[in-house]
Amino acid sequence: MSELCPPYAPFFGFAGVTFAMSGIIAVYGLVVSVLIAGSISPTEPYSLFGGFVHLGAGLSCGMTGLAAGYAIGIVGDACVRAYLYESRVFVSMVLILIFAEVIGLYGLIVALILNTSVGDVYCG
């Protein structure tokens, strides 16, 4: 092995998987915030019900994103440390990280369902 390709080089490539997966959860929050901001118009009345539904949508996406990020951090830390000793851990690490990511995806789905129910109520 040369100085440019040490034997531990693949470890740093695999360690970036947890960082990439945690960044996807932030995109879920961005999607919900853009949808909420797009549904608010300064010329139309904004009902109290709509405000609480938007608050609930943001909280559902935010809290599940927090839980998923915490789970990804714990799993990523433990599995990256275990990967130093055993390279077979990588497949199980990715599988567990996907299960942790699904928590944030469920929050996004709930937020989208809540956001679509705002248009059903007319305040006027």
PDB file of N, CA and C in Angstrom:
ATOM      1  N   MET A   1       0.843  -1.177   0.000  1.00  0.00           N
ATOM      2  CA  MET A   1       0.000   0.000   0.000  1.00  0.00           C
ATOM      3  C   MET A   1       0.892   1.247   0.000  1.00  0.00           C
ATOM      4  N   SER A   2       0.439   2.231  -0.731  1.00  0.00           N
ATOM      5  CA  SER A   2       1.222   3.458  -0.815  1.00  0.00           C
ATOM      6  C   SER A   2       0.766   4.436   0.262  1.00  0.00           C
ATOM      7  N   GLU A   3       1.444   5.547   0.298  1.00  0.00           N
ATOM      8  CA  GLU A   3       1.109   6.578   1.273  1.00  0.00           C
ATOM      9  C   GLU A   3      -0.227   7.246   0.943  1.00  0.00           C
ATOM     10  N   LEU A   4      -0.578   7.265  -0.348  1.00  0.00           N
ATOM     11  CA  LEU A   4      -1.833   7.882  -0.768  1.00  0.00           C
ATOM     12  C   LEU A   4      -3.039   6.966  -0.565  1.00  0.00           C
ATOM     13  N   CYS A   5      -2.814   5.673  -0.471  1.00  0.00           N
ATOM     14  CA  CYS A   5      -3.902   4.702  -0.267  1.00  0.00           C
ATOM     15  C   CYS A   5      -3.572   3.794   0.906  1.00  0.00           C
ATOM     16  N   PRO A   6      -3.680   4.277   2.131  1.00  0.00           N
ATOM     17  CA  PRO A   6      -3.377   3.414   3.278  1.00  0.00           C
ATOM     18  C   PRO A   6      -4.466   2.350   3.447  1.00  0.00           C
ATOM     19  N   PRO A   7      -4.190   1.306   4.198  1.00  0.00           N
ATOM     20  CA  PRO A   7      -5.182   0.226   4.346  1.00  0.00           C
ATOM     21  C   PRO A   7      -6.458   0.658   5.058  1.00  0.00           C
ATOM     22  N   TYR A   8      -6.407   1.736   5.802  1.00  0.00           N
ATOM     23  CA  TYR A   8      -7.599   2.193   6.518  1.00  0.00           C
ATOM     24  C   TYR A   8      -8.413   3.211   5.714  1.00  0.00           C
ATOM     25  N   ALA A   9      -8.082   3.458   4.463  1.00  0.00           N
ATOM     26  CA  ALA A   9      -8.780   4.458   3.646  1.00  0.00           C
ATOM     27  C   ALA A   9     -10.254   4.147   3.433  1.00  0.00           C
ATOM     28  N   PRO A  10     -10.667   2.893   3.196  1.00  0.00           N
ATOM     29  CA  PRO A  10     -12.105   2.637   3.013  1.00  0.00           C
ATOM     30  C   PRO A  10     -12.940   2.971   4.242  1.00  0.00           C
ATOM     31  N   PHE A  11     -12.332   2.931   5.417  1.00  0.00           N
ATOM     32  CA  PHE A  11     -13.073   3.249   6.638  1.00  0.00           C
ATOM     33  C   PHE A  11     -13.651   4.658   6.585  1.00  0.00           C
ATOM     34  N   PHE A  12     -12.873   5.612   6.104  1.00  0.00           N
ATOM     35  CA  PHE A  12     -13.350   6.988   6.070  1.00  0.00           C
ATOM     36  C   PHE A  12     -14.430   7.188   5.017  1.00  0.00           C
ATOM     37  N   GLY A  13     -14.414   6.391   3.978  1.00  0.00           N
ATOM     38  CA  GLY A  13     -15.491   6.452   2.991  1.00  0.00           C
ATOM     39  C   GLY A  13     -16.790   5.922   3.545  1.00  0.00           C
ATOM     40  N   PHE A  14     -16.721   4.817   4.279  1.00  0.00           N
ATOM     41  CA  PHE A  14     -17.923   4.227   4.852  1.00  0.00           C
ATOM     42  C   PHE A  14     -18.454   5.051   6.017  1.00  0.00           C
ATOM     43  N   ALA A  15     -17.591   5.766   6.702  1.00  0.00           N
ATOM     44  CA  ALA A  15     -18.025   6.567   7.841  1.00  0.00           C
ATOM     45  C   ALA A  15     -18.909   7.729   7.402  1.00  0.00           C
ATOM     46  N   GLY A  16     -18.830   8.129   6.152  1.00  0.00           N
ATOM     47  CA  GLY A  16     -19.646   9.232   5.661  1.00  0.00           C
ATOM     48  C   GLY A  16     -21.087   8.869   5.397  1.00  0.00           C
ATOM     49  N   VAL A  17     -21.430   7.588   5.459  1.00  0.00           N
ATOM     50  CA  VAL A  17     -22.803   7.159   5.203  1.00  0.00           C
ATOM     51  C   VAL A  17     -23.746   7.733   6.252  1.00  0.00           C
ATOM     52  N   THR A  18     -23.328   7.735   7.503  1.00  0.00           N
ATOM     53  CA  THR A  18     -24.204   8.258   8.558  1.00  0.00           C
ATOM     54  C   THR A  18     -24.433   9.753   8.389  1.00  0.00           C
ATOM     55  N   PHE A  19     -23.423  10.460   7.943  1.00  0.00           N
ATOM     56  CA  PHE A  19     -23.579  11.898   7.726  1.00  0.00           C
ATOM     57  C   PHE A  19     -24.549  12.181   6.590  1.00  0.00           C
ATOM     58  N   ALA A  20     -24.455  11.406   5.526  1.00  0.00           N
ATOM     59  CA  ALA A  20     -25.353  11.606   4.383  1.00  0.00           C
ATOM     60  C   ALA A  20     -26.791  11.275   4.747  1.00  0.00           C
ATOM     61  N   MET A  21     -26.995  10.232   5.523  1.00  0.00           N
ATOM     62  CA  MET A  21     -28.357   9.842   5.878  1.00  0.00           C
ATOM     63  C   MET A  21     -28.991  10.832   6.848  1.00  0.00           C
ATOM     64  N   SER A  22     -28.199  11.442   7.709  1.00  0.00           N
ATOM     65  CA  SER A  22     -28.776  12.434   8.610  1.00  0.00           C
ATOM     66  C   SER A  22     -29.108  13.722   7.868  1.00  0.00           C
ATOM     67  N   GLY A  23     -28.434  14.008   6.778  1.00  0.00           N
ATOM     68  CA  GLY A  23     -28.748  15.200   5.991  1.00  0.00           C
ATOM     69  C   GLY A  23     -30.056  15.092   5.241  1.00  0.00           C
ATOM     70  N   ILE A  24     -30.482  13.874   4.958  1.00  0.00           N
ATOM     71  CA  ILE A  24     -31.752  13.676   4.260  1.00  0.00           C
ATOM     72  C   ILE A  24     -32.918  14.107   5.138  1.00  0.00           C
ATOM     73  N   ILE A  25     -32.795  13.921   6.433  1.00  0.00           N
ATOM     74  CA  ILE A  25     -33.875  14.295   7.356  1.00  0.00           C
ATOM     75  C   ILE A  25     -34.093  15.805   7.338  1.00  0.00           C
ATOM     76  N   ALA A  26     -33.034  16.568   7.172  1.00  0.00           N
ATOM     77  CA  ALA A  26     -33.182  18.019   7.088  1.00  0.00           C
ATOM     78  C   ALA A  26     -33.974  18.422   5.851  1.00  0.00           C
ATOM     79  N   VAL A  27     -33.853  17.662   4.790  1.00  0.00           N
ATOM     80  CA  VAL A  27     -34.616  17.943   3.569  1.00  0.00           C
ATOM     81  C   VAL A  27     -36.106  17.745   3.820  1.00  0.00           C
ATOM     82  N   TYR A  28     -36.472  16.776   4.668  1.00  0.00           N
ATOM     83  CA  TYR A  28     -37.878  16.583   5.017  1.00  0.00           C
ATOM     84  C   TYR A  28     -38.449  17.849   5.660  1.00  0.00           C
ATOM     85  N   GLY A  29     -37.711  18.434   6.577  1.00  0.00           N
ATOM     86  CA  GLY A  29     -38.161  19.667   7.215  1.00  0.00           C
ATOM     87  C   GLY A  29     -38.258  20.818   6.236  1.00  0.00           C
ATOM     88  N   LEU A  30     -37.336  20.883   5.294  1.00  0.00           N
ATOM     89  CA  LEU A  30     -37.375  21.927   4.275  1.00  0.00           C
ATOM     90  C   LEU A  30     -38.605  21.784   3.394  1.00  0.00           C
ATOM     91  N   VAL A  31     -38.948  20.558   3.026  1.00  0.00           N
ATOM     92  CA  VAL A  31     -40.128  20.320   2.194  1.00  0.00           C
ATOM     93  C   VAL A  31     -41.390  20.776   2.915  1.00  0.00           C
ATOM     94  N   VAL A  32     -41.518  20.423   4.181  1.00  0.00           N
ATOM     95  CA  VAL A  32     -42.713  20.806   4.943  1.00  0.00           C
ATOM     96  C   VAL A  32     -42.784  22.315   5.106  1.00  0.00           C
ATOM     97  N   SER A  33     -41.668  22.966   5.384  1.00  0.00           N
ATOM     98  CA  SER A  33     -41.701  24.419   5.562  1.00  0.00           C
ATOM     99  C   SER A  33     -42.043  25.142   4.265  1.00  0.00           C
ATOM    100  N   VAL A  34     -41.567  24.648   3.138  1.00  0.00           N
ATOM    101  CA  VAL A  34     -41.907  25.268   1.852  1.00  0.00           C
ATOM    102  C   VAL A  34     -43.388  25.076   1.546  1.00  0.00           C
ATOM    103  N   LEU A  35     -43.929  23.898   1.839  1.00  0.00           N
ATOM    104  CA  LEU A  35     -45.355  23.665   1.610  1.00  0.00           C
ATOM    105  C   LEU A  35     -46.224  24.542   2.501  1.00  0.00           C
ATOM    106  N   ILE A  36     -45.823  24.702   3.751  1.00  0.00           N
ATOM    107  CA  ILE A  36     -46.594  25.555   4.661  1.00  0.00           C
ATOM    108  C   ILE A  36     -46.510  27.009   4.218  1.00  0.00           C
ATOM    109  N   ALA A  37     -45.324  27.473   3.871  1.00  0.00           N
ATOM    110  CA  ALA A  37     -45.170  28.860   3.427  1.00  0.00           C
ATOM    111  C   ALA A  37     -45.898  29.105   2.113  1.00  0.00           C
ATOM    112  N   GLY A  38     -45.967  28.104   1.260  1.00  0.00           N
ATOM    113  CA  GLY A  38     -46.666  28.263  -0.009  1.00  0.00           C
ATOM    114  C   GLY A  38     -48.172  28.297   0.128  1.00  0.00           C
ATOM    115  N   SER A  39     -48.698  27.712   1.195  1.00  0.00           N
ATOM    116  CA  SER A  39     -50.151  27.696   1.369  1.00  0.00           C
ATOM    117  C   SER A  39     -50.678  28.937   2.084  1.00  0.00           C
ATOM    118  N   ILE A  40     -49.802  29.759   2.611  1.00  0.00           N
ATOM    119  CA  ILE A  40     -50.217  30.982   3.303  1.00  0.00           C
ATOM    120  C   ILE A  40     -50.178  32.138   2.311  1.00  0.00           C
ATOM    121  N   SER A  41     -51.275  32.868   2.235  1.00  0.00           N
ATOM    122  CA  SER A  41     -51.366  34.008   1.330  1.00  0.00           C
ATOM    123  C   SER A  41     -51.761  35.244   2.133  1.00  0.00           C
ATOM    124  N   PRO A  42     -51.103  36.387   1.916  1.00  0.00           N
ATOM    125  CA  PRO A  42     -51.450  37.585   2.686  1.00  0.00           C
ATOM    126  C   PRO A  42     -52.807  38.177   2.301  1.00  0.00           C
ATOM    127  N   THR A  43     -53.337  37.815   1.146  1.00  0.00           N
ATOM    128  CA  THR A  43     -54.617  38.385   0.718  1.00  0.00           C
ATOM    129  C   THR A  43     -55.812  37.560   1.183  1.00  0.00           C
ATOM    130  N   GLU A  44     -55.605  36.326   1.564  1.00  0.00           N
ATOM    131  CA  GLU A  44     -56.697  35.466   2.007  1.00  0.00           C
ATOM    132  C   GLU A  44     -56.699  35.367   3.529  1.00  0.00           C
ATOM    133  N   PRO A  45     -57.875  35.154   4.125  1.00  0.00           N
ATOM    134  CA  PRO A  45     -57.912  34.999   5.588  1.00  0.00           C
ATOM    135  C   PRO A  45     -57.225  33.703   6.019  1.00  0.00           C
ATOM    136  N   TYR A  46     -56.624  33.770   7.177  1.00  0.00           N
ATOM    137  CA  TYR A  46     -55.883  32.622   7.719  1.00  0.00           C
ATOM    138  C   TYR A  46     -56.578  32.195   8.999  1.00  0.00           C
ATOM    139  N   SER A  47     -57.191  31.023   8.972  1.00  0.00           N
ATOM    140  CA  SER A  47     -57.992  30.582  10.115  1.00  0.00           C
ATOM    141  C   SER A  47     -57.108  30.085  11.250  1.00  0.00           C
ATOM    142  N   LEU A  48     -57.684  30.090  12.434  1.00  0.00           N
ATOM    143  CA  LEU A  48     -56.993  29.566  13.604  1.00  0.00           C
ATOM    144  C   LEU A  48     -56.747  28.064  13.441  1.00  0.00           C
ATOM    145  N   PHE A  49     -57.718  27.385  12.850  1.00  0.00           N
ATOM    146  CA  PHE A  49     -57.562  25.956  12.572  1.00  0.00           C
ATOM    147  C   PHE A  49     -56.366  25.710  11.655  1.00  0.00           C
ATOM    148  N   GLY A  50     -56.236  26.522  10.623  1.00  0.00           N
ATOM    149  CA  GLY A  50     -55.104  26.376   9.705  1.00  0.00           C
ATOM    150  C   GLY A  50     -53.771  26.605  10.403  1.00  0.00           C
ATOM    151  N   GLY A  51     -53.746  27.567  11.306  1.00  0.00           N
ATOM    152  CA  GLY A  51     -52.520  27.830  12.049  1.00  0.00           C
ATOM    153  C   GLY A  51     -52.113  26.669  12.931  1.00  0.00           C
ATOM    154  N   PHE A  52     -53.105  26.083  13.614  1.00  0.00           N
ATOM    155  CA  PHE A  52     -52.794  24.944  14.474  1.00  0.00           C
ATOM    156  C   PHE A  52     -52.427  23.698  13.671  1.00  0.00           C
ATOM    157  N   VAL A  53     -53.050  23.531  12.513  1.00  0.00           N
ATOM    158  CA  VAL A  53     -52.690  22.391  11.668  1.00  0.00           C
ATOM    159  C   VAL A  53     -51.272  22.563  11.129  1.00  0.00           C
ATOM    160  N   HIS A  54     -50.922  23.767  10.736  1.00  0.00           N
ATOM    161  CA  HIS A  54     -49.554  24.012  10.268  1.00  0.00           C
ATOM    162  C   HIS A  54     -48.551  23.831  11.405  1.00  0.00           C
ATOM    163  N   LEU A  55     -48.924  24.253  12.611  1.00  0.00           N
ATOM    164  CA  LEU A  55     -48.052  24.029  13.765  1.00  0.00           C
ATOM    165  C   LEU A  55     -47.865  22.537  14.015  1.00  0.00           C
ATOM    166  N   GLY A  56     -48.962  21.789  13.946  1.00  0.00           N
ATOM    167  CA  GLY A  56     -48.866  20.344  14.142  1.00  0.00           C
ATOM    168  C   GLY A  56     -48.045  19.662  13.064  1.00  0.00           C
ATOM    169  N   ALA A  57     -48.178  20.132  11.825  1.00  0.00           N
ATOM    170  CA  ALA A  57     -47.391  19.551  10.736  1.00  0.00           C
ATOM    171  C   ALA A  57     -45.904  19.816  10.949  1.00  0.00           C
ATOM    172  N   GLY A  58     -45.578  21.027  11.341  1.00  0.00           N
ATOM    173  CA  GLY A  58     -44.176  21.343  11.603  1.00  0.00           C
ATOM    174  C   GLY A  58     -43.618  20.582  12.788  1.00  0.00           C
ATOM    175  N   LEU A  59     -44.426  20.457  13.838  1.00  0.00           N
ATOM    176  CA  LEU A  59     -43.971  19.713  15.011  1.00  0.00           C
ATOM    177  C   LEU A  59     -43.820  18.222  14.721  1.00  0.00           C
ATOM    178  N   SER A  60     -44.734  17.673  13.933  1.00  0.00           N
ATOM    179  CA  SER A  60     -44.621  16.241  13.635  1.00  0.00           C
ATOM    180  C   SER A  60     -43.365  15.951  12.827  1.00  0.00           C
ATOM    181  N   CYS A  61     -43.075  16.801  11.874  1.00  0.00           N
ATOM    182  CA  CYS A  61     -41.866  16.595  11.079  1.00  0.00           C
ATOM    183  C   CYS A  61     -40.613  16.894  11.913  1.00  0.00           C
ATOM    184  N   GLY A  62     -40.676  17.912  12.738  1.00  0.00           N
ATOM    185  CA  GLY A  62     -39.516  18.291  13.543  1.00  0.00           C
ATOM    186  C   GLY A  62     -39.181  17.301  14.638  1.00  0.00           C
ATOM    187  N   MET A  63     -40.193  16.844  15.362  1.00  0.00           N
ATOM    188  CA  MET A  63     -39.934  15.910  16.458  1.00  0.00           C
ATOM    189  C   MET A  63     -39.491  14.538  15.952  1.00  0.00           C
ATOM    190  N   THR A  64     -40.103  14.075  14.866  1.00  0.00           N
ATOM    191  CA  THR A  64     -39.649  12.794  14.321  1.00  0.00           C
ATOM    192  C   THR A  64     -38.268  12.928  13.687  1.00  0.00           C
ATOM    193  N   GLY A  65     -37.977  14.099  13.133  1.00  0.00           N
ATOM    194  CA  GLY A  65     -36.626  14.333  12.621  1.00  0.00           C
ATOM    195  C   GLY A  65     -35.596  14.345  13.737  1.00  0.00           C
ATOM    196  N   LEU A  66     -35.975  14.909  14.888  1.00  0.00           N
ATOM    197  CA  LEU A  66     -35.087  14.903  16.046  1.00  0.00           C
ATOM    198  C   LEU A  66     -34.839  13.481  16.534  1.00  0.00           C
ATOM    199  N   ALA A  67     -35.909  12.689  16.619  1.00  0.00           N
ATOM    200  CA  ALA A  67     -35.762  11.299  17.067  1.00  0.00           C
ATOM    201  C   ALA A  67     -34.945  10.478  16.078  1.00  0.00           C
ATOM    202  N   ALA A  68     -35.190  10.676  14.790  1.00  0.00           N
ATOM    203  CA  ALA A  68     -34.435   9.931  13.781  1.00  0.00           C
ATOM    204  C   ALA A  68     -32.967  10.348  13.783  1.00  0.00           C
ATOM    205  N   GLY A  69     -32.713  11.626  13.933  1.00  0.00           N
ATOM    206  CA  GLY A  69     -31.331  12.089  13.990  1.00  0.00           C
ATOM    207  C   GLY A  69     -30.582  11.555  15.198  1.00  0.00           C
ATOM    208  N   TYR A  70     -31.279  11.484  16.326  1.00  0.00           N
ATOM    209  CA  TYR A  70     -30.664  10.919  17.530  1.00  0.00           C
ATOM    210  C   TYR A  70     -30.345   9.445  17.325  1.00  0.00           C
ATOM    211  N   ALA A  71     -31.299   8.712  16.745  1.00  0.00           N
ATOM    212  CA  ALA A  71     -31.084   7.286  16.498  1.00  0.00           C
ATOM    213  C   ALA A  71     -29.950   7.061  15.507  1.00  0.00           C
ATOM    214  N   ILE A  72     -29.892   7.864  14.467  1.00  0.00           N
ATOM    215  CA  ILE A  72     -28.817   7.731  13.480  1.00  0.00           C
ATOM    216  C   ILE A  72     -27.467   8.056  14.115  1.00  0.00           C
ATOM    217  N   GLY A  73     -27.444   9.034  15.000  1.00  0.00           N
ATOM    218  CA  GLY A  73     -26.195   9.372  15.679  1.00  0.00           C
ATOM    219  C   GLY A  73     -25.692   8.264  16.582  1.00  0.00           C
ATOM    220  N   ILE A  74     -26.598   7.675  17.356  1.00  0.00           N
ATOM    221  CA  ILE A  74     -26.201   6.594  18.257  1.00  0.00           C
ATOM    222  C   ILE A  74     -25.741   5.368  17.461  1.00  0.00           C
ATOM    223  N   VAL A  75     -26.540   4.981  16.466  1.00  0.00           N
ATOM    224  CA  VAL A  75     -26.197   3.804  15.656  1.00  0.00           C
ATOM    225  C   VAL A  75     -24.923   4.054  14.857  1.00  0.00           C
ATOM    226  N   GLY A  76     -24.810   5.241  14.283  1.00  0.00           N
ATOM    227  CA  GLY A  76     -23.626   5.552  13.492  1.00  0.00           C
ATOM    228  C   GLY A  76     -22.358   5.534  14.318  1.00  0.00           C
ATOM    229  N   ASP A  77     -22.422   6.082  15.521  1.00  0.00           N
ATOM    230  CA  ASP A  77     -21.249   6.093  16.386  1.00  0.00           C
ATOM    231  C   ASP A  77     -20.830   4.674  16.763  1.00  0.00           C
ATOM    232  N   ALA A  78     -21.797   3.875  17.184  1.00  0.00           N
ATOM    233  CA  ALA A  78     -21.471   2.513  17.611  1.00  0.00           C
ATOM    234  C   ALA A  78     -20.982   1.653  16.448  1.00  0.00           C
ATOM    235  N   CYS A  79     -21.633   1.779  15.310  1.00  0.00           N
ATOM    236  CA  CYS A  79     -21.266   0.909  14.189  1.00  0.00           C
ATOM    237  C   CYS A  79     -19.968   1.335  13.515  1.00  0.00           C
ATOM    238  N   VAL A  80     -19.685   2.614  13.479  1.00  0.00           N
ATOM    239  CA  VAL A  80     -18.411   3.045  12.890  1.00  0.00           C
ATOM    240  C   VAL A  80     -17.255   2.587  13.766  1.00  0.00           C
ATOM    241  N   ARG A  81     -17.462   2.613  15.082  1.00  0.00           N
ATOM    242  CA  ARG A  81     -16.416   2.089  15.973  1.00  0.00           C
ATOM    243  C   ARG A  81     -16.263   0.577  15.811  1.00  0.00           C
ATOM    244  N   ALA A  82     -17.378  -0.122  15.631  1.00  0.00           N
ATOM    245  CA  ALA A  82     -17.309  -1.576  15.443  1.00  0.00           C
ATOM    246  C   ALA A  82     -16.722  -1.931  14.081  1.00  0.00           C
ATOM    247  N   TYR A  83     -16.900  -1.056  13.104  1.00  0.00           N
ATOM    248  CA  TYR A  83     -16.381  -1.318  11.757  1.00  0.00           C
ATOM    249  C   TYR A  83     -14.851  -1.357  11.740  1.00  0.00           C
ATOM    250  N   LEU A  84     -14.232  -0.689  12.691  1.00  0.00           N
ATOM    251  CA  LEU A  84     -12.774  -0.746  12.782  1.00  0.00           C
ATOM    252  C   LEU A  84     -12.284  -2.174  12.988  1.00  0.00           C
ATOM    253  N   TYR A  85     -13.056  -2.954  13.738  1.00  0.00           N
ATOM    254  CA  TYR A  85     -12.632  -4.307  14.078  1.00  0.00           C
ATOM    255  C   TYR A  85     -13.219  -5.376  13.156  1.00  0.00           C
ATOM    256  N   GLU A  86     -14.407  -5.118  12.623  1.00  0.00           N
ATOM    257  CA  GLU A  86     -15.078  -6.122  11.799  1.00  0.00           C
ATOM    258  C   GLU A  86     -15.762  -5.426  10.632  1.00  0.00           C
ATOM    259  N   SER A  87     -15.352  -5.746   9.410  1.00  0.00           N
ATOM    260  CA  SER A  87     -15.896  -5.051   8.240  1.00  0.00           C
ATOM    261  C   SER A  87     -17.288  -5.543   7.855  1.00  0.00           C
ATOM    262  N   ARG A  88     -17.722  -6.682   8.380  1.00  0.00           N
ATOM    263  CA  ARG A  88     -19.056  -7.195   8.050  1.00  0.00           C
ATOM    264  C   ARG A  88     -20.170  -6.395   8.717  1.00  0.00           C
ATOM    265  N   VAL A  89     -19.833  -5.502   9.599  1.00  0.00           N
ATOM    266  CA  VAL A  89     -20.828  -4.707  10.321  1.00  0.00           C
ATOM    267  C   VAL A  89     -21.491  -3.685   9.402  1.00  0.00           C
ATOM    268  N   PHE A  90     -20.862  -3.367   8.290  1.00  0.00           N
ATOM    269  CA  PHE A  90     -21.348  -2.274   7.445  1.00  0.00           C
ATOM    270  C   PHE A  90     -22.756  -2.528   6.919  1.00  0.00           C
ATOM    271  N   VAL A  91     -23.055  -3.722   6.466  1.00  0.00           N
ATOM    272  CA  VAL A  91     -24.374  -4.016   5.907  1.00  0.00           C
ATOM    273  C   VAL A  91     -25.449  -3.893   6.977  1.00  0.00           C
ATOM    274  N   SER A  92     -25.186  -4.425   8.152  1.00  0.00           N
ATOM    275  CA  SER A  92     -26.175  -4.305   9.229  1.00  0.00           C
ATOM    276  C   SER A  92     -26.304  -2.861   9.693  1.00  0.00           C
ATOM    277  N   MET A  93     -25.207  -2.092   9.651  1.00  0.00           N
ATOM    278  CA  MET A  93     -25.282  -0.685  10.025  1.00  0.00           C
ATOM    279  C   MET A  93     -26.196   0.078   9.075  1.00  0.00           C
ATOM    280  N   VAL A  94     -26.050  -0.144   7.792  1.00  0.00           N
ATOM    281  CA  VAL A  94     -26.892   0.549   6.818  1.00  0.00           C
ATOM    282  C   VAL A  94     -28.351   0.150   6.990  1.00  0.00           C
ATOM    283  N   LEU A  95     -28.610  -1.103   7.282  1.00  0.00           N
ATOM    284  CA  LEU A  95     -29.978  -1.565   7.497  1.00  0.00           C
ATOM    285  C   LEU A  95     -30.600  -0.900   8.722  1.00  0.00           C
ATOM    286  N   ILE A  96     -29.872  -0.821   9.808  1.00  0.00           N
ATOM    287  CA  ILE A  96     -30.379  -0.166  11.015  1.00  0.00           C
ATOM    288  C   ILE A  96     -30.551   1.330  10.772  1.00  0.00           C
ATOM    289  N   LEU A  97     -29.652   1.945  10.014  1.00  0.00           N
ATOM    290  CA  LEU A  97     -29.787   3.366   9.697  1.00  0.00           C
ATOM    291  C   LEU A  97     -31.025   3.633   8.847  1.00  0.00           C
ATOM    292  N   ILE A  98     -31.357   2.715   7.964  1.00  0.00           N
ATOM    293  CA  ILE A  98     -32.576   2.875   7.164  1.00  0.00           C
ATOM    294  C   ILE A  98     -33.800   2.813   8.060  1.00  0.00           C
ATOM    295  N   PHE A  99     -33.799   1.884   9.024  1.00  0.00           N
ATOM    296  CA  PHE A  99     -34.924   1.805   9.963  1.00  0.00           C
ATOM    297  C   PHE A  99     -35.041   3.083  10.796  1.00  0.00           C
ATOM    298  N   ALA A 100     -33.918   3.673  11.169  1.00  0.00           N
ATOM    299  CA  ALA A 100     -33.956   4.926  11.921  1.00  0.00           C
ATOM    300  C   ALA A 100     -34.439   6.074  11.043  1.00  0.00           C
ATOM    301  N   GLU A 101     -34.094   6.044   9.777  1.00  0.00           N
ATOM    302  CA  GLU A 101     -34.513   7.102   8.853  1.00  0.00           C
ATOM    303  C   GLU A 101     -36.019   7.072   8.611  1.00  0.00           C
ATOM    304  N   VAL A 102     -36.602   5.893   8.694  1.00  0.00           N
ATOM    305  CA  VAL A 102     -38.038   5.749   8.448  1.00  0.00           C
ATOM    306  C   VAL A 102     -38.849   6.523   9.485  1.00  0.00           C
ATOM    307  N   ILE A 103     -38.313   6.710  10.677  1.00  0.00           N
ATOM    308  CA  ILE A 103     -39.009   7.504  11.697  1.00  0.00           C
ATOM    309  C   ILE A 103     -39.249   8.914  11.168  1.00  0.00           C
ATOM    310  N   GLY A 104     -38.238   9.525  10.586  1.00  0.00           N
ATOM    311  CA  GLY A 104     -38.396  10.851  10.000  1.00  0.00           C
ATOM    312  C   GLY A 104     -39.320  10.858   8.804  1.00  0.00           C
ATOM    313  N   LEU A 105     -39.303   9.789   8.025  1.00  0.00           N
ATOM    314  CA  LEU A 105     -40.191   9.684   6.865  1.00  0.00           C
ATOM    315  C   LEU A 105     -41.647   9.601   7.301  1.00  0.00           C
ATOM    316  N   TYR A 106     -41.918   8.888   8.396  1.00  0.00           N
ATOM    317  CA  TYR A 106     -43.286   8.833   8.919  1.00  0.00           C
ATOM    318  C   TYR A 106     -43.758  10.222   9.354  1.00  0.00           C
ATOM    319  N   GLY A 107     -42.881  10.997   9.955  1.00  0.00           N
ATOM    320  CA  GLY A 107     -43.240  12.360  10.326  1.00  0.00           C
ATOM    321  C   GLY A 107     -43.534  13.222   9.118  1.00  0.00           C
ATOM    322  N   LEU A 108     -42.784  13.038   8.039  1.00  0.00           N
ATOM    323  CA  LEU A 108     -43.049  13.766   6.797  1.00  0.00           C
ATOM    324  C   LEU A 108     -44.406  13.386   6.232  1.00  0.00           C
ATOM    325  N   ILE A 109     -44.741  12.109   6.259  1.00  0.00           N
ATOM    326  CA  ILE A 109     -46.034  11.663   5.741  1.00  0.00           C
ATOM    327  C   ILE A 109     -47.172  12.255   6.552  1.00  0.00           C
ATOM    328  N   VAL A 110     -47.050  12.262   7.875  1.00  0.00           N
ATOM    329  CA  VAL A 110     -48.086  12.858   8.729  1.00  0.00           C
ATOM    330  C   VAL A 110     -48.202  14.353   8.454  1.00  0.00           C
ATOM    331  N   ALA A 111     -47.078  15.033   8.283  1.00  0.00           N
ATOM    332  CA  ALA A 111     -47.111  16.467   7.998  1.00  0.00           C
ATOM    333  C   ALA A 111     -47.773  16.757   6.658  1.00  0.00           C
ATOM    334  N   LEU A 112     -47.525  15.926   5.669  1.00  0.00           N
ATOM    335  CA  LEU A 112     -48.168  16.121   4.366  1.00  0.00           C
ATOM    336  C   LEU A 112     -49.673  15.886   4.452  1.00  0.00           C
ATOM    337  N   ILE A 113     -50.086  14.878   5.204  1.00  0.00           N
ATOM    338  CA  ILE A 113     -51.518  14.627   5.380  1.00  0.00           C
ATOM    339  C   ILE A 113     -52.175  15.785   6.118  1.00  0.00           C
ATOM    340  N   LEU A 114     -51.519  16.294   7.152  1.00  0.00           N
ATOM    341  CA  LEU A 114     -52.066  17.443   7.881  1.00  0.00           C
ATOM    342  C   LEU A 114     -52.142  18.674   6.990  1.00  0.00           C
ATOM    343  N   ASN A 115     -51.120  18.894   6.191  1.00  0.00           N
ATOM    344  CA  ASN A 115     -51.089  20.087   5.345  1.00  0.00           C
ATOM    345  C   ASN A 115     -52.180  20.057   4.278  1.00  0.00           C
ATOM    346  N   THR A 116     -52.556  18.883   3.810  1.00  0.00           N
ATOM    347  CA  THR A 116     -53.625  18.812   2.812  1.00  0.00           C
ATOM    348  C   THR A 116     -54.997  19.029   3.424  1.00  0.00           C
ATOM    349  N   SER A 117     -55.142  18.864   4.733  1.00  0.00           N
ATOM    350  CA  SER A 117     -56.449  19.055   5.366  1.00  0.00           C
ATOM    351  C   SER A 117     -56.746  20.512   5.677  1.00  0.00           C
ATOM    352  N   VAL A 118     -55.805  21.411   5.503  1.00  0.00           N
ATOM    353  CA  VAL A 118     -56.035  22.825   5.823  1.00  0.00           C
ATOM    354  C   VAL A 118     -57.002  23.455   4.837  1.00  0.00           C
ATOM    355  N   GLY A 119     -56.955  23.068   3.583  1.00  0.00           N
ATOM    356  CA  GLY A 119     -57.800  23.680   2.567  1.00  0.00           C
ATOM    357  C   GLY A 119     -59.271  23.337   2.698  1.00  0.00           C
ATOM    358  N   ASP A 120     -59.630  22.391   3.553  1.00  0.00           N
ATOM    359  CA  ASP A 120     -61.018  21.980   3.695  1.00  0.00           C
ATOM    360  C   ASP A 120     -61.853  22.956   4.517  1.00  0.00           C
ATOM    361  N   VAL A 121     -61.221  23.800   5.310  1.00  0.00           N
ATOM    362  CA  VAL A 121     -61.940  24.700   6.216  1.00  0.00           C
ATOM    363  C   VAL A 121     -61.930  26.107   5.635  1.00  0.00           C
ATOM    364  N   TYR A 122     -63.118  26.715   5.556  1.00  0.00           N
ATOM    365  CA  TYR A 122     -63.228  28.088   5.064  1.00  0.00           C
ATOM    366  C   TYR A 122     -63.552  28.994   6.237  1.00  0.00           C
ATOM    367  N   CYS A 123     -62.814  30.070   6.364  1.00  0.00           N
ATOM    368  CA  CYS A 123     -63.014  31.019   7.454  1.00  0.00           C
ATOM    369  C   CYS A 123     -63.582  32.303   6.849  1.00  0.00           C
ATOM    370  N   GLY A 124     -64.877  32.468   6.931  1.00  0.00           N
ATOM    371  CA  GLY A 124     -65.396  33.679   6.331  1.00  0.00           C
ATOM    372  C   GLY A 124     -66.827  33.915   6.508  1.00  0.00           C
TER     373      GLY A 124
END
